[in-house]
C-alpha atoms as a PDB file:
ATOM      1  CA  UNK A   1      -0.961  13.986   2.968  1.00  0.00           C
ATOM      2  CA  UNK A   2       1.967  13.542   0.985  1.00  0.00           C
ATOM      3  CA  UNK A   3       2.932  15.874  -1.805  1.00  0.00           C
ATOM      4  CA  UNK A   4       3.140  14.256  -5.477  1.00  0.00           C
ATOM      5  CA  UNK A   5       6.864  15.236  -5.426  1.00  0.00           C
ATOM      6  CA  UNK A   6       8.869  14.038  -8.285  1.00  0.00           C
ATOM      7  CA  UNK A   7       6.402  11.181  -9.459  1.00  0.00           C
ATOM      8  CA  UNK A   8       5.166  13.413 -12.181  1.00  0.00           C
ATOM      9  CA  UNK A   9       7.410  13.701 -15.239  1.00  0.00           C
ATOM     10  CA  UNK A  10       6.557  16.299 -17.846  1.00  0.00           C
ATOM     11  CA  UNK A  11       2.965  16.544 -16.582  1.00  0.00           C
ATOM     12  CA  UNK A  12       2.484  12.756 -16.862  1.00  0.00           C
ATOM     13  CA  UNK A  13       2.097  10.735 -13.641  1.00  0.00           C
ATOM     14  CA  UNK A  14       4.433   7.670 -13.424  1.00  0.00           C
ATOM     15  CA  UNK A  15       4.118   4.322 -11.561  1.00  0.00           C
ATOM     16  CA  UNK A  16       5.936   6.045  -8.624  1.00  0.00           C
ATOM     17  CA  UNK A  17       2.788   8.193  -8.188  1.00  0.00           C
ATOM     18  CA  UNK A  18       1.010   4.949  -7.053  1.00  0.00           C
ATOM     19  CA  UNK A  19       2.910   4.874  -3.711  1.00  0.00           C
ATOM     20  CA  UNK A  20       1.863   8.401  -3.009  1.00  0.00           C
ATOM     21  CA  UNK A  21      -1.651   7.578  -3.903  1.00  0.00           C
ATOM     22  CA  UNK A  22      -1.865   4.541  -1.703  1.00  0.00           C
ATOM     23  CA  UNK A  23      -0.125   6.515   1.136  1.00  0.00           C
ATOM     24  CA  UNK A  24      -2.740   9.224   0.940  1.00  0.00           C
ATOM     25  CA  UNK A  25      -5.558   6.811   0.732  1.00  0.00           C
ATOM     26  CA  UNK A  26      -4.381   5.075   3.829  1.00  0.00           C
ATOM     27  CA  UNK A  27      -4.144   8.426   5.696  1.00  0.00           C
ATOM     28  CA  UNK A  28      -7.555   9.524   4.675  1.00  0.00           C
ATOM     29  CA  UNK A  29      -9.238   5.997   5.581  1.00  0.00           C
ATOM     30  CA  UNK A  30      -7.527   6.154   9.006  1.00  0.00           C
ATOM     31  CA  UNK A  31      -8.773   9.675   9.530  1.00  0.00           C
ATOM     32  CA  UNK A  32     -12.200   8.730   8.390  1.00  0.00           C
ATOM     33  CA  UNK A  33     -12.190   5.582  10.837  1.00  0.00           C
ATOM     34  CA  UNK A  34     -11.362   7.779  13.758  1.00  0.00           C
ATOM     35  CA  UNK A  35     -13.950  10.455  12.898  1.00  0.00           C
ATOM     36  CA  UNK A  36     -16.709   7.815  12.532  1.00  0.00           C
ATOM     37  CA  UNK A  37     -15.638   6.005  15.707  1.00  0.00           C
ATOM     38  CA  UNK A  38     -15.772   9.495  17.611  1.00  0.00           C
ATOM     39  CA  UNK A  39     -19.202  10.216  16.309  1.00  0.00           C
ATOM     40  CA  UNK A  40     -20.524   6.688  17.147  1.00  0.00           C
ATOM     41  CA  UNK A  41     -19.281   7.245  20.880  1.00  0.00           C
ATOM     42  CA  UNK A  42     -20.837  10.568  20.984  1.00  0.00           C
ATOM     43  CA  UNK A  43     -24.229   9.367  19.750  1.00  0.00           C
ATOM     44  CA  UNK A  44     -24.281   6.357  21.925  1.00  0.00           C
ATOM     45  CA  UNK A  45     -23.360   8.539  24.970  1.00  0.00           C
ATOM     46  CA  UNK A  46     -26.031  11.153  24.071  1.00  0.00           C
ATOM     47  CA  UNK A  47     -28.599   8.511  23.557  1.00  0.00           C
ATOM     48  CA  UNK A  48     -27.652   6.895  26.965  1.00  0.00           C
ATOM     49  CA  UNK A  49     -27.849  10.049  28.805  1.00  0.00           C
ATOM     50  CA  UNK A  50     -31.285  11.106  27.130  1.00  0.00           C
ATOM     51  CA  UNK A  51     -32.826   7.730  27.594  1.00  0.00           C
ATOM     52  CA  UNK A  52     -34.664   8.703  30.791  1.00  0.00           C
ATOM     53  CA  UNK A  53     -34.481   5.034  32.106  1.00  0.00           C
ATOM     54  CA  UNK A  54     -36.370   3.483  29.044  1.00  0.00           C
ATOM     55  CA  UNK A  55     -35.055  -0.020  28.799  1.00  0.00           C
ATOM     56  CA  UNK A  56     -35.220  -0.355  25.038  1.00  0.00           C
ATOM     57  CA  UNK A  57     -33.373   3.144  24.402  1.00  0.00           C
ATOM     58  CA  UNK A  58     -30.717   2.290  27.076  1.00  0.00           C
ATOM     59  CA  UNK A  59     -30.223  -1.131  25.234  1.00  0.00           C
ATOM     60  CA  UNK A  60     -29.950   0.729  21.927  1.00  0.00           C
ATOM     61  CA  UNK A  61     -27.461   3.194  23.166  1.00  0.00           C
ATOM     62  CA  UNK A  62     -25.217   0.477  24.705  1.00  0.00           C
ATOM     63  CA  UNK A  63     -25.298  -1.442  21.506  1.00  0.00           C
ATOM     64  CA  UNK A  64     -24.041   1.854  19.747  1.00  0.00           C
ATOM     65  CA  UNK A  65     -21.383   2.167  22.360  1.00  0.00           C
ATOM     66  CA  UNK A  66     -20.392  -1.427  22.063  1.00  0.00           C
ATOM     67  CA  UNK A  67     -20.005  -1.451  18.338  1.00  0.00           C
ATOM     68  CA  UNK A  68     -17.850   1.808  18.541  1.00  0.00           C
ATOM     69  CA  UNK A  69     -15.722   0.080  21.167  1.00  0.00           C
ATOM     70  CA  UNK A  70     -15.433  -3.196  19.108  1.00  0.00           C
ATOM     71  CA  UNK A  71     -14.444  -0.945  15.957  1.00  0.00           C
ATOM     72  CA  UNK A  72     -11.823   0.941  18.078  1.00  0.00           C
ATOM     73  CA  UNK A  73     -10.234  -2.380  19.434  1.00  0.00           C
ATOM     74  CA  UNK A  74     -10.199  -3.749  15.796  1.00  0.00           C
ATOM     75  CA  UNK A  75      -8.447  -0.681  14.635  1.00  0.00           C
ATOM     76  CA  UNK A  76      -5.889  -0.744  17.445  1.00  0.00           C
ATOM     77  CA  UNK A  77      -5.217  -4.395  17.003  1.00  0.00           C
ATOM     78  CA  UNK A  78      -4.616  -4.177  13.563  1.00  0.00           C
ATOM     79  CA  UNK A  79      -2.036  -1.464  14.089  1.00  0.00           C
ATOM     80  CA  UNK A  80      -0.357  -3.563  16.699  1.00  0.00           C
ATOM     81  CA  UNK A  81      -0.292  -6.781  14.541  1.00  0.00           C
ATOM     82  CA  UNK A  82       1.263  -4.780  11.672  1.00  0.00           C
ATOM     83  CA  UNK A  83       3.696  -3.254  14.176  1.00  0.00           C
ATOM     84  CA  UNK A  84       4.502  -6.679  15.474  1.00  0.00           C
ATOM     85  CA  UNK A  85       5.140  -7.911  11.971  1.00  0.00           C
ATOM     86  CA  UNK A  86       7.337  -5.113  11.164  1.00  0.00           C
ATOM     87  CA  UNK A  87       9.302  -5.774  14.514  1.00  0.00           C
ATOM     88  CA  UNK A  88       9.779  -9.540  13.994  1.00  0.00           C
ATOM     89  CA  UNK A  89      10.377  -9.810  10.290  1.00  0.00           C
ATOM     90  CA  UNK A  90      11.455  -6.402   8.843  1.00  0.00           C
ATOM     91  CA  UNK A  91      13.870  -5.289  11.467  1.00  0.00           C
ATOM     92  CA  UNK A  92      11.652  -2.570  13.095  1.00  0.00           C
ATOM     93  CA  UNK A  93      12.395   0.027  10.284  1.00  0.00           C
ATOM     94  CA  UNK A  94       8.709   1.175   9.828  1.00  0.00           C
ATOM     95  CA  UNK A  95       8.896  -0.264   6.196  1.00  0.00           C
ATOM     96  CA  UNK A  96       5.448  -2.068   6.575  1.00  0.00           C
ATOM     97  CA  UNK A  97       3.882   1.385   6.866  1.00  0.00           C
ATOM     98  CA  UNK A  98       5.431   2.576   3.565  1.00  0.00           C
ATOM     99  CA  UNK A  99       4.472   1.603   0.009  1.00  0.00           C
ATOM    100  CA  UNK A 100       7.508   1.959  -2.047  1.00  0.00           C
ATOM    101  CA  UNK A 101       7.965   0.921  -5.699  1.00  0.00           C
ATOM    102  CA  UNK A 102      11.314   0.343  -7.507  1.00  0.00           C
ATOM    103  CA  UNK A 103      14.680  -1.438  -6.801  1.00  0.00           C
ATOM    104  CA  UNK A 104      15.690   0.935  -4.107  1.00  0.00           C
ATOM    105  CA  UNK A 105      12.861  -0.095  -1.879  1.00  0.00           C
ATOM    106  CA  UNK A 106      14.022  -3.812  -1.709  1.00  0.00           C
ATOM    107  CA  UNK A 107      17.712  -2.695  -0.990  1.00  0.00           C
ATOM    108  CA  UNK A 108      17.222   0.176   1.595  1.00  0.00           C
ATOM    109  CA  UNK A 109      18.659  -0.956   5.015  1.00  0.00           C
ATOM    110  CA  UNK A 110      17.508   0.290   8.338  1.00  0.00           C
ATOM    111  CA  UNK A 111      19.714   3.163   9.709  1.00  0.00           C
ATOM    112  CA  UNK A 112      21.825   1.861  12.717  1.00  0.00           C
ATOM    113  CA  UNK A 113      20.193   2.868  15.971  1.00  0.00           C
ATOM    114  CA  UNK A 114      22.420   4.814  18.339  1.00  0.00           C
END
């Protein structure tokens, strides 16, 4: 989570606070997705282990694990797609993962790589 920093002027939030807010929301949503996927894997695994050979319980547990795996693959693929767009079109600066408002955002160049 990012601190509010200099976006609050005289106790009043400015438009610059939007980038901090969006960054914090993205961080929290990624954390929530990871926690939910982990819980789905645990519940599906526990259900599978305690099914005692019942075909309907095994099928339900496999469905839970399958949906958790699909969610994980979608999560990873969305990150990789964004990283590829950053590499191909934005010069691999990591700008796609930053929400910046203002004139400095458009003119900021990537630091030279050693």
